Amino acid sequence: MTEQIKYYEDKLKYEIDSWDLYESLQKKFNIVVIDARSSEVFDIQHIPSAINIPHRTMSAQTTQHLDKAALYVCYCDGIGCNASTKGALNLARLGFNVKELLGGLDWWRRDGYATEGREATPGRQVDCGC
């Protein structure tokens, strides 16, 4: 039983869902959302307040302006894309506290949250209580 509890505790340390992220952003927690995709797709659509640092460009130099005290949440398109995993790994290697957004932008939209960009969506009131 102890191994299973440890597994779930660890999982919650490293992953976050859309509802928890949205609530944390609304409460103004020290969270920075990182879109780890290319700048081209970021411009099309992204999570509000997200900053774009493509995982391929993450380095000590490109992240030097970031606050190491914040929690960073990386995302990409969704479960068919691993840019968020690569970004989270890069940031963790650089000494940042990181979580990965479950389902990425795809699940963020599916859960009804607004997006920004050229193909922005308005979103709707969501209260899943996850």
Protein backbone atom coordinates (compact mmCIF):
# COMPACT_ATOMS: atom_id res chain seq x y z
CA MET A 1 0.00 0.00 0.00
CA THR A 2 2.83 2.43 0.81
CA GLU A 3 4.25 2.20 -2.74
CA GLN A 4 0.88 3.04 -4.22
CA ILE A 5 0.41 6.05 -1.93
CA LYS A 6 3.91 7.28 -2.82
CA TYR A 7 3.09 6.88 -6.53
CA TYR A 8 -0.01 9.09 -6.26
CA GLU A 9 1.72 11.64 -4.07
CA ASP A 10 4.54 11.89 -6.60
CA LYS A 11 2.09 12.15 -9.49
CA LEU A 12 0.41 15.15 -7.86
CA LYS A 13 3.83 16.77 -7.33
CA TYR A 14 4.54 16.75 -11.05
CA GLU A 15 1.15 17.12 -12.78
CA ILE A 16 -1.72 19.60 -12.64
CA ASP A 17 -5.11 19.61 -14.34
CA SER A 18 -6.87 22.52 -16.02
CA TRP A 19 -9.22 23.22 -13.12
CA ASP A 20 -6.42 23.36 -10.55
CA LEU A 21 -4.33 25.58 -12.82
CA TYR A 22 -7.24 27.93 -13.52
CA GLU A 23 -8.10 28.20 -9.81
CA SER A 24 -4.45 28.83 -8.90
CA LEU A 25 -4.20 31.58 -11.51
CA GLN A 26 -7.44 33.18 -10.26
CA LYS A 27 -6.07 33.17 -6.72
CA LYS A 28 -2.89 34.85 -7.97
CA PHE A 29 -0.57 32.09 -6.78
CA ASN A 30 3.06 32.47 -7.87
CA ILE A 31 2.61 30.38 -11.03
CA VAL A 32 4.05 30.98 -14.46
CA VAL A 33 2.47 29.12 -17.37
CA ILE A 34 4.97 28.13 -20.06
CA ASP A 35 3.87 27.22 -23.56
CA ALA A 36 6.69 24.93 -24.71
CA ARG A 37 5.55 24.86 -28.36
CA SER A 38 6.88 26.95 -31.23
CA SER A 39 6.16 30.67 -31.41
CA GLU A 40 4.10 30.11 -34.56
CA VAL A 41 1.50 27.94 -32.83
CA PHE A 42 1.65 30.07 -29.66
CA ASP A 43 0.55 33.07 -31.77
CA ILE A 44 -2.41 31.08 -33.08
CA GLN A 45 -3.77 30.07 -29.68
CA HIS A 46 -2.50 29.81 -26.11
CA ILE A 47 -3.56 29.87 -22.48
CA PRO A 48 -4.07 33.44 -21.17
CA SER A 49 -1.04 34.78 -19.29
CA ALA A 50 1.20 32.05 -20.72
CA ILE A 51 4.65 32.95 -21.91
CA ASN A 52 6.22 31.19 -24.84
CA ILE A 53 9.56 29.50 -24.40
CA PRO A 54 9.85 26.68 -26.93
CA HIS A 55 11.44 23.64 -25.30
CA ARG A 56 14.16 23.58 -27.95
CA THR A 57 15.34 27.03 -26.89
CA MET A 58 15.32 26.56 -23.11
CA SER A 59 18.72 27.23 -21.57
CA ALA A 60 20.27 29.07 -18.65
CA GLN A 61 20.42 32.16 -20.89
CA THR A 62 16.82 32.07 -22.16
CA THR A 63 15.43 31.47 -18.67
CA GLN A 64 17.68 33.77 -16.64
CA HIS A 65 14.89 36.34 -16.27
CA LEU A 66 12.54 33.81 -14.63
CA ASP A 67 11.83 33.75 -10.89
CA LYS A 68 13.16 30.49 -9.38
CA ALA A 69 10.68 30.85 -6.50
CA ALA A 70 7.66 30.44 -8.81
CA LEU A 71 5.95 27.23 -9.82
CA TYR A 72 6.18 26.68 -13.58
CA VAL A 73 3.47 24.81 -15.46
CA CYS A 74 4.48 23.59 -18.92
CA TYR A 75 2.01 22.68 -21.60
CA CYS A 76 1.84 21.82 -25.30
CA ASP A 77 -0.97 20.74 -27.65
CA GLY A 78 -2.06 17.72 -25.65
CA ILE A 79 -1.53 14.03 -25.16
CA GLY A 80 -0.25 13.53 -28.71
CA CYS A 81 2.58 16.02 -28.14
CA ASN A 82 5.52 15.82 -25.74
CA ALA A 83 6.80 19.41 -25.88
CA SER A 84 5.44 19.96 -22.37
CA THR A 85 7.39 16.96 -21.06
CA LYS A 86 10.57 18.13 -22.79
CA GLY A 87 10.02 21.66 -21.48
CA ALA A 88 9.35 20.48 -17.93
CA LEU A 89 12.47 18.32 -18.03
CA ASN A 90 14.58 21.21 -19.33
CA LEU A 91 13.28 23.58 -16.65
CA ALA A 92 13.76 21.01 -13.88
CA ARG A 93 17.35 20.49 -15.03
CA LEU A 94 17.82 24.27 -14.80
CA GLY A 95 16.63 24.25 -11.18
CA PHE A 96 13.00 25.32 -11.55
CA ASN A 97 10.00 23.84 -9.72
CA VAL A 98 7.84 22.47 -12.56
CA LYS A 99 4.56 20.69 -13.19
CA GLU A 100 3.12 19.47 -16.46
CA LEU A 101 -0.44 20.39 -17.48
CA LEU A 102 -2.46 17.22 -18.06
CA GLY A 103 -3.91 17.18 -21.57
CA GLY A 104 -2.25 20.46 -22.54
CA LEU A 105 -4.08 23.11 -24.54
CA ASP A 106 -6.49 20.49 -25.88
CA TRP A 107 -7.89 19.63 -22.43
CA TRP A 108 -7.75 23.28 -21.34
CA ARG A 109 -10.13 24.11 -24.22
CA ARG A 110 -12.20 20.96 -23.68
CA ASP A 111 -12.70 21.95 -20.06
CA GLY A 112 -14.12 25.27 -21.27
CA TYR A 113 -11.40 27.78 -20.45
CA ALA A 114 -10.68 30.82 -22.61
CA THR A 115 -7.68 31.11 -24.89
CA GLU A 116 -5.81 34.01 -26.48
CA GLY A 117 -4.22 34.41 -29.91
CA ARG A 118 -5.42 34.72 -33.51
CA GLU A 119 -7.88 31.84 -32.96
CA ALA A 120 -8.85 32.74 -29.39
CA THR A 121 -11.90 31.17 -27.82
CA PRO A 122 -14.00 32.94 -25.16
CA GLY A 123 -14.45 30.00 -22.82
CA ARG A 124 -17.37 29.54 -20.44
CA GLN A 125 -17.95 29.35 -16.70
CA VAL A 126 -16.50 26.06 -15.49
CA ASP A 127 -16.88 24.45 -12.07
CA CYS A 128 -15.84 20.83 -12.31
CA GLY A 129 -14.54 20.71 -8.76
CA CYS A 130 -11.69 18.39 -9.65
